[in-house]
Amino acid sequence: MAKIDLSKYIDNSLRAEFEAKPYDAEKARKPVVDGIARTLEQFNSKLPSKAPNKWFKANGDVVRFSAKSAKGVIPITGNDVNHIPRSQFAGFLADFKKAVEAGDFDAEIKAAQESGGSQSGKVTGPRGTDKDPLSGLRKAFGIRMGKLGQSAAEAAAHLRADGKYAVDAIEKVLAEKS
């Protein structure tokens, strides 16, 4: 009986692609479009809004705006926070909604969802404070090394296998720990 080489058909590096959920741009746009509508409603309301995750803050004739996804900030013109004249804010929101619905922000929305932040890698908070994008990963290392008693290398191996964090980010934090 002849031996047949089946290895030429097998590519186990495709596992991650197989296990990855297909990205649905239309589904990803919906919460952003809903957020824009909610922001316009809050902006036009005569009553002050105490919503915890408002996308804007008005101060005099200027509105500070930051579009958010479930996991991060969606940059507009490369900025996480933008300032718009109050008189033009409703028009800005209408045009932003059209652009999102047309798919003009699909890359930014996808990047915010995948990385947990903006493409710039730096998430600017509502008060202008900078949040370190590696803080969650550092915390995961700390838990594994402290509570679980793992070495930095063991923690890194587990975090790589988990797939929640980017490999280059794990390597960066591992270098800090070594």
C-alpha atoms as a PDB file:
ATOM      1  CA  MET A   1       0.000   0.000   0.000  1.00  0.00           C
ATOM      2  CA  ALA A   2       1.418   3.385  -1.009  1.00  0.00           C
ATOM      3  CA  LYS A   3       1.839   6.110   1.572  1.00  0.00           C
ATOM      4  CA  ILE A   4       0.040   9.285   0.629  1.00  0.00           C
ATOM      5  CA  ASP A   5       1.391  12.565   2.002  1.00  0.00           C
ATOM      6  CA  LEU A   6      -1.594  14.441   3.418  1.00  0.00           C
ATOM      7  CA  SER A   7       0.541  17.123   5.039  1.00  0.00           C
ATOM      8  CA  LYS A   8       0.511  19.141   1.803  1.00  0.00           C
ATOM      9  CA  TYR A   9      -3.180  19.875   2.433  1.00  0.00           C
ATOM     10  CA  ILE A  10      -2.918  20.810   6.082  1.00  0.00           C
ATOM     11  CA  ASP A  11      -2.238  24.326   7.332  1.00  0.00           C
ATOM     12  CA  ASN A  12      -2.828  24.504  11.077  1.00  0.00           C
ATOM     13  CA  SER A  13      -1.870  28.177  11.106  1.00  0.00           C
ATOM     14  CA  LEU A  14      -5.435  28.746   9.831  1.00  0.00           C
ATOM     15  CA  ARG A  15      -6.882  27.921  13.259  1.00  0.00           C
ATOM     16  CA  ALA A  16      -7.113  31.549  14.351  1.00  0.00           C
ATOM     17  CA  GLU A  17      -8.865  32.467  11.109  1.00  0.00           C
ATOM     18  CA  PHE A  18     -11.286  29.554  11.559  1.00  0.00           C
ATOM     19  CA  GLU A  19     -12.104  30.493  15.150  1.00  0.00           C
ATOM     20  CA  ALA A  20     -12.415  34.226  14.501  1.00  0.00           C
ATOM     21  CA  LYS A  21     -15.914  35.637  14.353  1.00  0.00           C
ATOM     22  CA  PRO A  22     -16.610  37.227  10.992  1.00  0.00           C
ATOM     23  CA  TYR A  23     -16.752  41.003  11.287  1.00  0.00           C
ATOM     24  CA  ASP A  24     -20.175  42.438  10.456  1.00  0.00           C
ATOM     25  CA  ALA A  25     -19.675  46.125   9.637  1.00  0.00           C
ATOM     26  CA  GLU A  26     -23.403  46.865   9.523  1.00  0.00           C
ATOM     27  CA  LYS A  27     -23.932  45.344  12.962  1.00  0.00           C
ATOM     28  CA  ALA A  28     -20.930  47.303  14.313  1.00  0.00           C
ATOM     29  CA  ARG A  29     -22.313  50.586  12.929  1.00  0.00           C
ATOM     30  CA  LYS A  30     -25.688  50.262  14.688  1.00  0.00           C
ATOM     31  CA  PRO A  31     -24.569  51.177  18.238  1.00  0.00           C
ATOM     32  CA  VAL A  32     -22.628  54.144  16.848  1.00  0.00           C
ATOM     33  CA  VAL A  33     -25.649  55.384  14.861  1.00  0.00           C
ATOM     34  CA  ASP A  34     -27.821  54.875  17.973  1.00  0.00           C
ATOM     35  CA  GLY A  35     -25.260  56.805  20.032  1.00  0.00           C
ATOM     36  CA  ILE A  36     -25.335  59.694  17.574  1.00  0.00           C
ATOM     37  CA  ALA A  37     -29.151  59.811  17.767  1.00  0.00           C
ATOM     38  CA  ARG A  38     -29.019  59.673  21.579  1.00  0.00           C
ATOM     39  CA  THR A  39     -26.419  62.465  21.613  1.00  0.00           C
ATOM     40  CA  LEU A  40     -28.604  64.689  19.401  1.00  0.00           C
ATOM     41  CA  GLU A  41     -31.602  64.017  21.651  1.00  0.00           C
ATOM     42  CA  GLN A  42     -29.584  64.892  24.776  1.00  0.00           C
ATOM     43  CA  PHE A  43     -28.148  68.000  23.114  1.00  0.00           C
ATOM     44  CA  ASN A  44     -31.600  69.269  22.052  1.00  0.00           C
ATOM     45  CA  SER A  45     -33.213  68.478  25.421  1.00  0.00           C
ATOM     46  CA  LYS A  46     -34.163  71.396  27.641  1.00  0.00           C
ATOM     47  CA  LEU A  47     -33.513  69.225  30.688  1.00  0.00           C
ATOM     48  CA  PRO A  48     -29.936  68.615  31.835  1.00  0.00           C
ATOM     49  CA  SER A  49     -28.803  65.058  31.147  1.00  0.00           C
ATOM     50  CA  LYS A  50     -27.162  63.023  33.862  1.00  0.00           C
ATOM     51  CA  ALA A  51     -26.351  60.178  31.487  1.00  0.00           C
ATOM     52  CA  PRO A  52     -23.112  58.544  32.695  1.00  0.00           C
ATOM     53  CA  ASN A  53     -21.599  57.982  29.256  1.00  0.00           C
ATOM     54  CA  LYS A  54     -22.522  61.135  27.379  1.00  0.00           C
ATOM     55  CA  TRP A  55     -20.512  61.700  24.226  1.00  0.00           C
ATOM     56  CA  PHE A  56     -20.437  65.476  24.571  1.00  0.00           C
ATOM     57  CA  LYS A  57     -20.119  68.350  26.981  1.00  0.00           C
ATOM     58  CA  ALA A  58     -21.143  71.891  26.145  1.00  0.00           C
ATOM     59  CA  ASN A  59     -19.359  74.887  27.620  1.00  0.00           C
ATOM     60  CA  GLY A  60     -20.531  78.249  26.360  1.00  0.00           C
ATOM     61  CA  ASP A  61     -20.460  78.257  22.560  1.00  0.00           C
ATOM     62  CA  VAL A  62     -18.219  75.179  22.257  1.00  0.00           C
ATOM     63  CA  VAL A  63     -19.084  71.487  22.420  1.00  0.00           C
ATOM     64  CA  ARG A  64     -16.474  68.848  23.240  1.00  0.00           C
ATOM     65  CA  PHE A  65     -17.343  65.584  21.459  1.00  0.00           C
ATOM     66  CA  SER A  66     -15.959  62.078  21.690  1.00  0.00           C
ATOM     67  CA  ALA A  67     -17.626  59.202  19.794  1.00  0.00           C
ATOM     68  CA  LYS A  68     -17.512  55.969  21.754  1.00  0.00           C
ATOM     69  CA  SER A  69     -17.916  52.304  20.988  1.00  0.00           C
ATOM     70  CA  ALA A  70     -18.445  49.580  23.558  1.00  0.00           C
ATOM     71  CA  LYS A  71     -14.684  49.102  23.938  1.00  0.00           C
ATOM     72  CA  GLY A  72     -13.079  52.402  23.042  1.00  0.00           C
ATOM     73  CA  VAL A  73     -13.121  55.778  21.374  1.00  0.00           C
ATOM     74  CA  ILE A  74     -13.692  56.225  17.649  1.00  0.00           C
ATOM     75  CA  PRO A  75     -11.303  58.862  16.308  1.00  0.00           C
ATOM     76  CA  ILE A  76     -12.645  61.555  13.985  1.00  0.00           C
ATOM     77  CA  THR A  77     -10.073  63.364  11.846  1.00  0.00           C
ATOM     78  CA  GLY A  78      -7.454  61.445  13.819  1.00  0.00           C
ATOM     79  CA  ASN A  79      -8.545  62.871  17.182  1.00  0.00           C
ATOM     80  CA  ASP A  80     -10.286  61.099  20.049  1.00  0.00           C
ATOM     81  CA  VAL A  81     -11.770  64.393  21.269  1.00  0.00           C
ATOM     82  CA  ASN A  82     -13.040  67.126  18.959  1.00  0.00           C
ATOM     83  CA  HIS A  83     -14.361  70.632  19.620  1.00  0.00           C
ATOM     84  CA  ILE A  84     -17.269  71.973  17.560  1.00  0.00           C
ATOM     85  CA  PRO A  85     -19.073  75.332  17.661  1.00  0.00           C
ATOM     86  CA  ARG A  86     -22.390  74.858  19.467  1.00  0.00           C
ATOM     87  CA  SER A  87     -24.290  76.389  16.529  1.00  0.00           C
ATOM     88  CA  GLN A  88     -22.899  73.696  14.181  1.00  0.00           C
ATOM     89  CA  PHE A  89     -23.144  70.667  16.484  1.00  0.00           C
ATOM     90  CA  ALA A  90     -26.541  69.370  15.260  1.00  0.00           C
ATOM     91  CA  GLY A  91     -25.353  69.605  11.637  1.00  0.00           C
ATOM     92  CA  PHE A  92     -22.095  67.886  12.556  1.00  0.00           C
ATOM     93  CA  LEU A  93     -24.032  65.009  14.152  1.00  0.00           C
ATOM     94  CA  ALA A  94     -26.273  64.662  11.084  1.00  0.00           C
ATOM     95  CA  ASP A  95     -23.247  64.486   8.775  1.00  0.00           C
ATOM     96  CA  PHE A  96     -21.385  62.145  11.122  1.00  0.00           C
ATOM     97  CA  LYS A  97     -24.419  59.818  11.147  1.00  0.00           C
ATOM     98  CA  LYS A  98     -24.510  59.818   7.316  1.00  0.00           C
ATOM     99  CA  ALA A  99     -20.786  59.061   7.169  1.00  0.00           C
ATOM    100  CA  VAL A 100     -21.104  56.160   9.636  1.00  0.00           C
ATOM    101  CA  GLU A 101     -24.106  54.727   7.769  1.00  0.00           C
ATOM    102  CA  ALA A 102     -22.172  55.001   4.486  1.00  0.00           C
ATOM    103  CA  GLY A 103     -19.302  52.989   5.970  1.00  0.00           C
ATOM    104  CA  ASP A 104     -16.808  55.851   6.061  1.00  0.00           C
ATOM    105  CA  PHE A 105     -15.871  54.993   9.670  1.00  0.00           C
ATOM    106  CA  ASP A 106     -15.856  51.186   9.416  1.00  0.00           C
ATOM    107  CA  ALA A 107     -12.081  50.956   9.887  1.00  0.00           C
ATOM    108  CA  GLU A 108     -12.138  53.236  12.936  1.00  0.00           C
ATOM    109  CA  ILE A 109     -15.088  51.395  14.503  1.00  0.00           C
ATOM    110  CA  LYS A 110     -13.448  48.010  13.904  1.00  0.00           C
ATOM    111  CA  ALA A 111     -10.129  49.219  15.370  1.00  0.00           C
ATOM    112  CA  ALA A 112     -11.890  50.618  18.448  1.00  0.00           C
ATOM    113  CA  GLN A 113     -13.720  47.325  18.994  1.00  0.00           C
ATOM    114  CA  GLU A 114     -10.682  45.114  18.449  1.00  0.00           C
ATOM    115  CA  SER A 115      -8.119  47.097  20.364  1.00  0.00           C
ATOM    116  CA  GLY A 116     -10.324  48.575  23.035  1.00  0.00           C
ATOM    117  CA  GLY A 117      -9.310  52.053  21.964  1.00  0.00           C
ATOM    118  CA  SER A 118      -8.617  54.352  19.114  1.00  0.00           C
ATOM    119  CA  GLN A 119      -6.206  53.681  16.270  1.00  0.00           C
ATOM    120  CA  SER A 120      -3.809  56.176  17.767  1.00  0.00           C
ATOM    121  CA  GLY A 121      -3.334  53.754  20.656  1.00  0.00           C
ATOM    122  CA  LYS A 122      -4.021  56.537  23.120  1.00  0.00           C
ATOM    123  CA  VAL A 123      -7.480  56.968  24.555  1.00  0.00           C
ATOM    124  CA  THR A 124      -8.180  60.449  25.804  1.00  0.00           C
ATOM    125  CA  GLY A 125     -10.690  60.493  28.599  1.00  0.00           C
ATOM    126  CA  PRO A 126     -13.519  62.983  28.997  1.00  0.00           C
ATOM    127  CA  ARG A 127     -11.455  65.373  31.075  1.00  0.00           C
ATOM    128  CA  GLY A 128      -8.414  65.257  28.827  1.00  0.00           C
ATOM    129  CA  THR A 129      -6.650  62.610  30.878  1.00  0.00           C
ATOM    130  CA  ASP A 130      -4.666  59.982  29.025  1.00  0.00           C
ATOM    131  CA  LYS A 131      -5.393  56.316  29.717  1.00  0.00           C
ATOM    132  CA  ASP A 132      -2.550  53.876  29.145  1.00  0.00           C
ATOM    133  CA  PRO A 133      -3.728  51.229  26.635  1.00  0.00           C
ATOM    134  CA  LEU A 134      -1.529  48.583  28.337  1.00  0.00           C
ATOM    135  CA  SER A 135      -2.966  49.073  31.834  1.00  0.00           C
ATOM    136  CA  GLY A 136      -5.431  46.160  31.531  1.00  0.00           C
ATOM    137  CA  LEU A 137      -2.683  43.864  30.283  1.00  0.00           C
ATOM    138  CA  ARG A 138      -0.374  44.912  33.120  1.00  0.00           C
ATOM    139  CA  LYS A 139      -3.184  44.134  35.565  1.00  0.00           C
ATOM    140  CA  ALA A 140      -3.646  40.661  33.998  1.00  0.00           C
ATOM    141  CA  PHE A 141       0.106  40.037  34.388  1.00  0.00           C
ATOM    142  CA  GLY A 142      -0.090  41.183  38.013  1.00  0.00           C
ATOM    143  CA  ILE A 143      -2.958  38.818  38.806  1.00  0.00           C
ATOM    144  CA  ARG A 144      -1.215  35.850  37.190  1.00  0.00           C
ATOM    145  CA  MET A 145       2.126  36.602  38.857  1.00  0.00           C
ATOM    146  CA  GLY A 146       0.706  37.588  42.255  1.00  0.00           C
ATOM    147  CA  LYS A 147      -2.422  35.611  43.019  1.00  0.00           C
ATOM    148  CA  LEU A 148      -1.597  32.641  40.795  1.00  0.00           C
ATOM    149  CA  GLY A 149       2.141  32.585  41.553  1.00  0.00           C
ATOM    150  CA  GLN A 150       3.207  32.311  37.916  1.00  0.00           C
ATOM    151  CA  SER A 151       6.507  33.585  36.557  1.00  0.00           C
ATOM    152  CA  ALA A 152       6.422  36.431  34.025  1.00  0.00           C
ATOM    153  CA  ALA A 153       7.145  33.932  31.219  1.00  0.00           C
ATOM    154  CA  GLU A 154       4.332  31.607  32.379  1.00  0.00           C
ATOM    155  CA  ALA A 155       1.918  34.521  32.644  1.00  0.00           C
ATOM    156  CA  ALA A 156       2.874  35.662  29.134  1.00  0.00           C
ATOM    157  CA  ALA A 157       2.327  32.157  27.747  1.00  0.00           C
ATOM    158  CA  HIS A 158      -1.142  31.965  29.305  1.00  0.00           C
ATOM    159  CA  LEU A 159      -2.082  35.443  28.065  1.00  0.00           C
ATOM    160  CA  ARG A 160      -0.891  34.582  24.531  1.00  0.00           C
ATOM    161  CA  ALA A 161      -2.979  31.396  24.574  1.00  0.00           C
ATOM    162  CA  ASP A 162      -5.987  33.356  25.832  1.00  0.00           C
ATOM    163  CA  GLY A 163      -5.919  35.475  22.640  1.00  0.00           C
ATOM    164  CA  LYS A 164      -7.471  38.496  24.344  1.00  0.00           C
ATOM    165  CA  TYR A 165      -4.352  40.644  24.016  1.00  0.00           C
ATOM    166  CA  ALA A 166      -2.109  41.415  21.043  1.00  0.00           C
ATOM    167  CA  VAL A 167       1.141  39.428  21.049  1.00  0.00           C
ATOM    168  CA  ASP A 168       3.293  42.559  20.593  1.00  0.00           C
ATOM    169  CA  ALA A 169       1.624  44.161  23.627  1.00  0.00           C
ATOM    170  CA  ILE A 170       2.291  41.020  25.699  1.00  0.00           C
ATOM    171  CA  GLU A 171       5.949  41.085  24.634  1.00  0.00           C
ATOM    172  CA  LYS A 172       6.222  44.767  25.582  1.00  0.00           C
ATOM    173  CA  VAL A 173       4.822  44.185  29.092  1.00  0.00           C
ATOM    174  CA  LEU A 174       6.911  41.007  29.466  1.00  0.00           C
ATOM    175  CA  ALA A 175      10.026  43.080  28.717  1.00  0.00           C
ATOM    176  CA  GLU A 176       8.966  45.516  31.452  1.00  0.00           C
ATOM    177  CA  LYS A 177       8.567  42.658  33.933  1.00  0.00           C
ATOM    178  CA  SER A 178      11.918  41.033  33.112  1.00  0.00           C
END
